[in-house]
Amino acid sequence: MGEALYANSAVASSPAHPAPRAAVSEQTRFRLVLSVLIVATPLILAVAISVGAVRLPLREVWSSVVAHVVGPAFGVDSRPGADDEIIWQVRTPRVLLAFVVGAGLAVAGATLQVVVRNPLADPYVLGVSSGASLGAAAVLTLAGAGGSGAAGWLSTLGVSGAAFAGAVLTLGAVLVLGRRAGRVEPTRLLLAGVALGYLLQAATSFLQLRVSSNQLAHLLFWLLGMVSGADWHKLGPPAAIVTVCTCWLILRGRTLNALLLGDDMAASAGVAVSALRTELLVIAALLTGTVIAVAGGVQFVGLIAPHCVRLLVGADHRRLLPLTALLGGNFLVLADLAARTVTQPLELPLTIVTAVAGVPFFLVLLRRGNPGGTS
């Protein structure tokens, strides 16, 4: 039923089924939502940098960031000291990494919903996150034993490297199992991903039984998502990958819309369906593996952000993807802010906050809109 609703929303939004009044309305809402998000994003980022165990004035945050970016110009002076260290070396990379991770997960979720033609899909439906989690768990549990062989190799990879390797290997297995007669089939992909996900989760649970209580706490925290270890070195690669992949998908927006209409109609429009689906899978897995490698298993963002945007502006991916990236990024920045401030000095894993904060908001939108994608 979800697939039918999703497909119907795509038909209503496609050029082949024009609905002038609805199109004007969706375009107007798109411009309004885009304007709000563009204005809100720098404010949300500044507030997230300002608020914490040590509260810093927004003016000081602005002065420090601008001084580091453009130098002491435009009347902005750099003020080296403890506050400047907190702003630039600790909070700014953490807030920006949270934004990048949220944007990447949101775009990956929207992409996978196209691939499997199911609105319930998210970045974890194909088991990629389970593969990444197993890789990270292997490093945290086995590499500590030292020595040579697999333990030494895992130590060399590190948590992020092992998580990314696990995601890539899982994607390869899902692609092989999801093919039939040389074509990638959505249902087989979904079933293969779910089955592999359960298997990899079982392996991760087995590894958890082998560790001490301190190691287990760290592992569970990572599996539920965190950006507390962010620094400028960790920010560059995921930011570049998320930006390039998102821009590429936006440029392919018309093709993604055609894919929602069904394989036969997409093929009649000149779309190489199997090749496109494989391309989208690789991009979605690259996005998911990249952000999980640096932030752990942050969940729910990839499900809620595309749905919220679809309820507001429709299913046209030329509008959906940029708004989804902005909404997902801002949502995770606010979730991280809550995670480190609500229960100070204890910091909460991100998934706890994203679920508690996101579900009520999503249910309100769902009651007010059409779950298929139009308001």
Protein backbone atom coordinates (compact mmCIF):
# COMPACT_ATOMS: atom_id res chain seq x y z
CA MET A 1 0.00 0.00 0.00
CA GLY A 2 2.83 2.38 0.86
CA GLU A 3 4.37 1.78 -2.56
CA ALA A 4 1.08 2.56 -4.27
CA LEU A 5 0.66 5.80 -2.34
CA TYR A 6 4.23 6.77 -3.12
CA ALA A 7 3.83 6.01 -6.82
CA ASN A 8 0.56 7.92 -6.98
CA SER A 9 2.21 11.00 -5.49
CA ALA A 10 4.92 10.81 -8.13
CA VAL A 11 2.33 10.56 -10.91
CA ALA A 12 0.55 13.61 -9.58
CA SER A 13 3.84 15.56 -9.52
CA SER A 14 5.17 14.40 -12.90
CA PRO A 15 5.18 16.48 -16.09
CA ALA A 16 3.08 13.81 -17.84
CA HIS A 17 0.16 14.50 -15.47
CA PRO A 18 0.01 18.28 -15.14
CA ALA A 19 -2.03 19.84 -12.39
CA PRO A 20 -1.52 23.60 -12.80
CA ARG A 21 -3.02 24.78 -9.54
CA ALA A 22 -1.26 22.10 -7.49
CA ALA A 23 2.02 22.80 -9.30
CA VAL A 24 1.79 26.50 -8.54
CA SER A 25 0.97 25.73 -4.92
CA GLU A 26 3.89 23.32 -4.56
CA GLN A 27 6.29 25.76 -6.21
CA THR A 28 5.15 28.53 -3.88
CA ARG A 29 5.56 26.30 -0.83
CA PHE A 30 8.99 25.23 -2.08
CA ARG A 31 10.18 28.82 -2.31
CA LEU A 32 8.75 29.61 1.12
CA VAL A 33 10.29 26.56 2.82
CA LEU A 34 13.62 27.08 1.05
CA SER A 35 13.74 30.71 2.16
CA VAL A 36 12.95 29.77 5.75
CA LEU A 37 15.62 27.07 5.85
CA ILE A 38 18.27 29.28 4.25
CA VAL A 39 17.63 32.00 6.80
CA ALA A 40 17.31 29.60 9.73
CA THR A 41 20.43 27.51 9.02
CA PRO A 42 23.14 30.05 10.02
CA LEU A 43 21.10 31.05 13.07
CA ILE A 44 20.70 27.44 14.19
CA LEU A 45 24.41 26.78 13.65
CA ALA A 46 25.37 29.88 15.65
CA VAL A 47 23.05 29.01 18.53
CA ALA A 48 24.38 25.43 18.62
CA ILE A 49 27.95 26.78 18.81
CA SER A 50 26.96 29.27 21.50
CA VAL A 51 25.10 26.95 23.87
CA GLY A 52 26.86 24.31 25.94
CA ALA A 53 28.50 23.67 29.29
CA VAL A 54 30.07 27.11 28.80
CA ARG A 55 27.58 29.55 27.30
CA LEU A 56 29.08 32.08 24.94
CA PRO A 57 27.43 35.21 23.50
CA LEU A 58 26.34 35.00 19.88
CA ARG A 59 28.34 38.13 19.13
CA GLU A 60 31.51 36.41 20.35
CA VAL A 61 30.71 33.31 18.31
CA TRP A 62 30.25 35.41 15.18
CA SER A 63 33.46 37.35 15.78
CA SER A 64 35.53 34.21 16.35
CA VAL A 65 34.20 32.30 13.32
CA VAL A 66 34.49 35.24 10.92
CA ALA A 67 38.00 36.05 12.19
CA HIS A 68 39.14 32.47 11.52
CA VAL A 69 37.47 32.34 8.10
CA VAL A 70 38.36 35.74 6.62
CA GLY A 71 40.95 37.04 9.07
CA PRO A 72 40.80 40.24 11.12
CA ALA A 73 38.81 42.18 8.54
CA PHE A 74 35.54 44.05 8.28
CA GLY A 75 36.00 45.29 11.81
CA VAL A 76 36.06 41.79 13.29
CA ASP A 77 38.95 41.07 15.61
CA SER A 78 40.30 37.66 16.57
CA ARG A 79 40.49 37.15 20.33
CA PRO A 80 42.72 34.20 21.13
CA GLY A 81 41.96 32.52 24.43
CA ALA A 82 39.87 29.83 26.05
CA ASP A 83 36.58 30.99 24.53
CA ASP A 84 38.04 31.16 21.04
CA GLU A 85 39.47 27.65 21.48
CA ILE A 86 36.05 26.32 22.52
CA ILE A 87 34.30 28.02 19.62
CA TRP A 88 36.67 27.17 16.78
CA GLN A 89 38.39 23.94 17.80
CA VAL A 90 35.60 22.15 19.71
CA ARG A 91 32.10 23.32 18.90
CA THR A 92 32.30 24.56 15.30
CA PRO A 93 33.60 21.28 13.80
CA ARG A 94 31.14 19.32 15.93
CA VAL A 95 28.15 21.40 14.81
CA LEU A 96 29.21 21.32 11.16
CA LEU A 97 29.76 17.55 11.31
CA ALA A 98 26.28 17.10 12.78
CA PHE A 99 24.87 19.14 9.89
CA VAL A 100 26.79 17.10 7.29
CA VAL A 101 25.73 13.79 8.87
CA GLY A 102 22.08 14.84 9.05
CA ALA A 103 22.09 16.05 5.44
CA GLY A 104 23.80 12.88 4.21
CA LEU A 105 21.38 10.55 6.01
CA ALA A 106 18.36 12.53 4.83
CA VAL A 107 19.46 12.49 1.18
CA ALA A 108 20.35 8.79 1.39
CA GLY A 109 16.90 8.04 2.78
CA ALA A 110 15.16 9.96 0.00
CA THR A 111 17.28 8.15 -2.58
CA LEU A 112 16.57 4.68 -1.23
CA GLN A 113 12.85 5.41 -1.14
CA VAL A 114 13.13 5.88 -4.91
CA VAL A 115 15.24 2.75 -5.43
CA VAL A 116 12.87 0.37 -3.64
CA ARG A 117 9.74 2.42 -4.36
CA ASN A 118 8.71 2.25 -0.73
CA PRO A 119 8.18 5.28 1.54
CA LEU A 120 9.23 3.22 4.58
CA ALA A 121 12.79 2.85 3.30
CA ASP A 122 15.61 4.60 5.14
CA PRO A 123 19.43 4.47 4.98
CA TYR A 124 19.44 1.31 7.08
CA VAL A 125 16.94 -0.78 5.14
CA LEU A 126 19.58 -2.47 2.97
CA GLY A 127 21.73 -3.56 5.90
CA VAL A 128 24.50 -1.07 5.13
CA SER A 129 24.40 0.34 8.65
CA SER A 130 24.53 -3.15 10.13
CA GLY A 131 27.67 -3.86 8.12
CA ALA A 132 29.21 -0.60 9.29
CA SER A 133 28.26 -1.35 12.89
CA LEU A 134 29.83 -4.80 12.68
CA GLY A 135 33.06 -3.32 11.34
CA ALA A 136 33.20 -0.75 14.13
CA ALA A 137 32.32 -3.35 16.77
CA ALA A 138 35.08 -5.62 15.49
CA VAL A 139 37.65 -2.85 15.93
CA LEU A 140 36.39 -1.90 19.39
CA THR A 141 36.26 -5.49 20.63
CA LEU A 142 38.85 -7.55 18.73
CA ALA A 143 41.56 -5.03 17.92
CA GLY A 144 42.11 -4.37 21.60
CA ALA A 145 43.62 -7.83 21.88
CA GLY A 146 46.60 -6.64 19.80
CA GLY A 147 48.84 -9.04 18.01
CA SER A 148 48.98 -9.84 14.34
CA GLY A 149 46.53 -11.23 11.83
CA ALA A 150 42.95 -9.96 11.82
CA ALA A 151 43.34 -8.04 15.09
CA GLY A 152 46.35 -6.12 13.79
CA TRP A 153 44.63 -5.39 10.48
CA LEU A 154 41.57 -4.06 12.30
CA SER A 155 43.75 -1.86 14.48
CA THR A 156 45.28 -0.37 11.33
CA LEU A 157 41.87 0.39 9.84
CA GLY A 158 40.51 2.12 12.92
CA VAL A 159 36.82 2.51 13.79
CA SER A 160 35.92 4.79 10.88
CA GLY A 161 37.83 2.74 8.31
CA ALA A 162 36.36 -0.56 9.49
CA ALA A 163 32.84 0.90 9.54
CA PHE A 164 33.18 2.17 5.97
CA ALA A 165 34.65 -1.16 4.82
CA GLY A 166 31.75 -3.01 6.43
CA ALA A 167 29.25 -0.75 4.67
CA VAL A 168 30.89 -1.26 1.26
CA LEU A 169 31.09 -5.05 1.63
CA THR A 170 27.45 -5.21 2.70
CA LEU A 171 26.39 -3.15 -0.31
CA GLY A 172 28.26 -5.54 -2.60
CA ALA A 173 26.49 -8.53 -1.10
CA VAL A 174 23.07 -6.86 -1.37
CA LEU A 175 23.66 -5.95 -5.01
CA VAL A 176 24.61 -9.53 -5.85
CA LEU A 177 21.64 -11.01 -4.01
CA GLY A 178 19.23 -8.37 -5.33
CA ARG A 179 19.86 -9.14 -9.00
CA ARG A 180 17.76 -11.47 -11.07
CA ALA A 181 18.32 -12.13 -14.76
CA GLY A 182 20.80 -9.26 -14.85
CA ARG A 183 18.36 -6.74 -13.39
CA VAL A 184 18.20 -5.15 -9.95
CA GLU A 185 14.75 -5.82 -8.48
CA PRO A 186 13.46 -3.60 -5.65
CA THR A 187 11.72 -6.42 -3.76
CA ARG A 188 14.77 -8.69 -3.87
CA LEU A 189 16.98 -5.80 -2.75
CA LEU A 190 14.72 -5.10 0.19
CA LEU A 191 14.49 -8.72 1.27
CA ALA A 192 18.23 -9.29 0.85
CA GLY A 193 19.02 -6.15 2.82
CA VAL A 194 16.68 -7.04 5.68
CA ALA A 195 17.99 -10.60 5.88
CA LEU A 196 21.64 -9.52 5.82
CA GLY A 197 20.86 -6.82 8.36
CA TYR A 198 19.56 -9.38 10.85
CA LEU A 199 22.59 -11.60 10.29
CA LEU A 200 25.05 -8.74 10.79
CA GLN A 201 23.17 -7.52 13.86
CA ALA A 202 23.48 -11.00 15.35
CA ALA A 203 27.23 -10.95 14.73
CA THR A 204 27.48 -7.52 16.37
CA SER A 205 25.53 -8.76 19.38
CA PHE A 206 27.89 -11.72 19.68
CA LEU A 207 30.88 -9.37 19.75
CA GLN A 208 29.22 -7.33 22.49
CA LEU A 209 29.23 -10.38 24.73
CA ARG A 210 33.03 -10.54 24.53
CA VAL A 211 33.82 -7.09 25.92
CA SER A 212 34.12 -5.51 29.33
CA SER A 213 31.44 -3.21 30.73
CA ASN A 214 33.48 -0.09 29.86
CA GLN A 215 34.02 -1.24 26.28
CA LEU A 216 30.36 -2.19 26.00
CA ALA A 217 29.22 1.28 27.10
CA HIS A 218 31.44 2.92 24.49
CA LEU A 219 30.26 0.51 21.78
CA LEU A 220 26.58 1.01 22.56
CA PHE A 221 27.05 4.78 22.55
CA TRP A 222 28.67 4.58 19.11
CA LEU A 223 25.94 2.30 17.77
CA LEU A 224 23.34 4.90 18.77
CA GLY A 225 25.23 7.78 17.19
CA MET A 226 27.55 10.54 18.38
CA VAL A 227 29.55 13.45 16.99
CA SER A 228 31.43 14.24 20.19
CA GLY A 229 34.80 13.30 18.68
CA ALA A 230 34.52 15.76 15.79
CA ASP A 231 37.50 17.79 14.64
CA TRP A 232 38.49 19.60 11.47
CA HIS A 233 40.34 16.57 10.08
CA LYS A 234 37.22 14.39 10.31
CA LEU A 235 34.96 17.03 8.76
CA GLY A 236 36.54 17.46 5.32
CA PRO A 237 36.01 14.06 3.63
CA PRO A 238 32.36 13.53 4.67
CA ALA A 239 31.49 17.14 3.82
CA ALA A 240 32.96 16.77 0.34
CA ILE A 241 31.27 13.42 -0.31
CA VAL A 242 27.85 14.56 0.93
CA THR A 243 28.04 17.79 -1.10
CA VAL A 244 29.08 16.09 -4.35
CA CYS A 245 26.57 13.25 -4.05
CA THR A 246 23.70 15.60 -3.18
CA CYS A 247 24.45 17.91 -6.10
CA TRP A 248 24.67 14.95 -8.47
CA LEU A 249 21.32 13.59 -7.31
CA ILE A 250 19.66 17.00 -7.66
CA LEU A 251 20.90 17.18 -11.26
CA ARG A 252 19.32 13.74 -11.81
CA GLY A 253 16.00 14.88 -10.31
CA ARG A 254 13.94 14.37 -13.48
CA THR A 255 15.28 10.84 -13.87
CA LEU A 256 14.44 10.01 -10.27
CA ASN A 257 10.90 11.26 -10.86
CA ALA A 258 10.60 8.98 -13.89
CA LEU A 259 11.76 5.98 -11.85
CA LEU A 260 8.88 6.49 -9.42
CA LEU A 261 6.36 6.00 -12.21
CA GLY A 262 7.37 2.36 -12.61
CA ASP A 263 10.04 0.47 -14.48
CA ASP A 264 8.04 0.13 -17.69
CA MET A 265 7.15 3.82 -17.95
CA ALA A 266 10.67 4.87 -17.01
CA ALA A 267 12.14 2.55 -19.65
CA SER A 268 9.73 3.91 -22.26
CA ALA A 269 11.05 7.39 -21.42
CA GLY A 270 14.59 6.25 -22.24
CA VAL A 271 15.80 5.51 -18.70
CA ALA A 272 18.19 2.57 -18.24
CA VAL A 273 16.34 1.38 -15.14
CA SER A 274 18.70 -1.33 -13.86
CA ALA A 275 21.81 0.79 -14.36
CA LEU A 276 20.16 3.80 -12.71
CA ARG A 277 19.03 1.75 -9.74
CA THR A 278 22.56 0.41 -9.26
CA GLU A 279 23.97 3.94 -9.51
CA LEU A 280 21.52 5.21 -6.89
CA LEU A 281 22.29 2.30 -4.60
CA VAL A 282 26.00 3.01 -4.77
CA ILE A 283 25.46 6.72 -4.05
CA ALA A 284 23.09 6.03 -1.15
CA ALA A 285 25.47 3.46 0.33
CA LEU A 286 28.41 5.84 -0.10
CA LEU A 287 26.51 8.55 1.75
CA THR A 288 25.40 6.16 4.51
CA GLY A 289 28.77 4.49 4.96
CA THR A 290 30.58 7.83 5.02
CA VAL A 291 28.45 9.43 7.72
CA ILE A 292 28.16 6.27 9.83
CA ALA A 293 31.94 5.95 9.77
CA VAL A 294 32.32 9.34 11.48
CA ALA A 295 29.15 9.52 13.59
CA GLY A 296 27.95 6.00 14.32
CA GLY A 297 24.45 4.64 13.82
CA VAL A 298 22.31 7.78 13.90
CA GLN A 299 18.79 6.64 13.08
CA PHE A 300 15.43 8.10 12.10
CA VAL A 301 16.79 11.20 10.29
CA GLY A 302 16.77 9.43 6.92
CA LEU A 303 13.12 8.46 7.38
CA ILE A 304 11.58 11.62 8.82
CA ALA A 305 13.30 14.34 6.76
CA PRO A 306 12.24 13.13 3.27
CA HIS A 307 8.70 12.51 4.46
CA CYS A 308 8.34 15.91 6.07
CA VAL A 309 9.58 17.65 2.93
CA ARG A 310 7.38 15.49 0.70
CA LEU A 311 4.33 16.39 2.79
CA LEU A 312 5.17 20.08 2.38
CA VAL A 313 6.27 20.44 -1.26
CA GLY A 314 5.42 17.20 -3.05
CA ALA A 315 7.49 14.40 -4.54
CA ASP A 316 9.41 16.24 -7.28
CA HIS A 317 13.04 15.42 -6.46
CA ARG A 318 14.32 18.67 -7.95
CA ARG A 319 12.64 20.36 -4.99
CA LEU A 320 12.67 17.48 -2.55
CA LEU A 321 16.41 16.79 -2.36
CA PRO A 322 17.80 20.27 -1.53
CA LEU A 323 15.14 20.85 1.12
CA THR A 324 15.68 17.36 2.54
CA ALA A 325 19.41 18.00 2.92
CA LEU A 326 18.83 21.33 4.69
CA LEU A 327 16.10 19.95 6.96
CA GLY A 328 18.08 16.82 7.85
CA GLY A 329 21.18 18.85 8.63
CA ASN A 330 19.37 21.35 10.84
CA PHE A 331 17.40 18.62 12.58
CA LEU A 332 20.53 16.75 13.60
CA VAL A 333 22.27 19.94 14.74
CA LEU A 334 19.34 20.63 17.07
CA ALA A 335 19.29 16.98 18.18
CA ASP A 336 22.99 17.13 19.05
CA LEU A 337 22.44 20.39 20.93
CA ALA A 338 19.73 18.72 23.00
CA ALA A 339 21.85 15.59 23.49
CA ARG A 340 24.66 17.53 25.16
CA THR A 341 22.59 20.04 27.14
CA VAL A 342 19.34 18.44 28.35
CA THR A 343 20.96 16.06 30.85
CA GLN A 344 24.27 17.83 31.58
CA PRO A 345 26.86 16.65 32.40
CA LEU A 346 25.59 13.37 30.88
CA GLU A 347 25.50 13.32 27.09
CA LEU A 348 22.80 11.32 25.33
CA PRO A 349 23.27 9.25 22.16
CA LEU A 350 21.80 10.99 19.14
CA THR A 351 19.29 8.29 18.21
CA ILE A 352 17.48 8.74 21.54
CA VAL A 353 16.98 12.44 20.83
CA THR A 354 16.09 12.07 17.15
CA ALA A 355 13.37 9.54 17.95
CA VAL A 356 11.89 11.40 20.93
CA ALA A 357 11.91 14.78 19.17
CA GLY A 358 11.14 13.62 15.65
CA VAL A 359 8.25 11.18 16.04
CA PRO A 360 5.68 13.65 17.50
CA PHE A 361 6.54 16.30 14.89
CA PHE A 362 6.26 13.78 12.08
CA LEU A 363 2.92 12.44 13.35
CA VAL A 364 1.50 15.98 13.45
CA LEU A 365 2.55 16.53 9.84
CA LEU A 366 1.16 13.13 8.89
CA ARG A 367 -2.27 14.00 10.31
CA ARG A 368 -2.34 17.30 8.45
CA GLY A 369 -1.09 15.99 5.09
CA ASN A 370 -1.35 13.14 2.65
CA PRO A 371 1.10 10.31 3.44
CA GLY A 372 1.58 9.82 -0.26
CA GLY A 373 3.39 13.08 -0.58
CA THR A 374 1.02 16.01 -1.08
CA SER A 375 -0.44 18.30 1.52
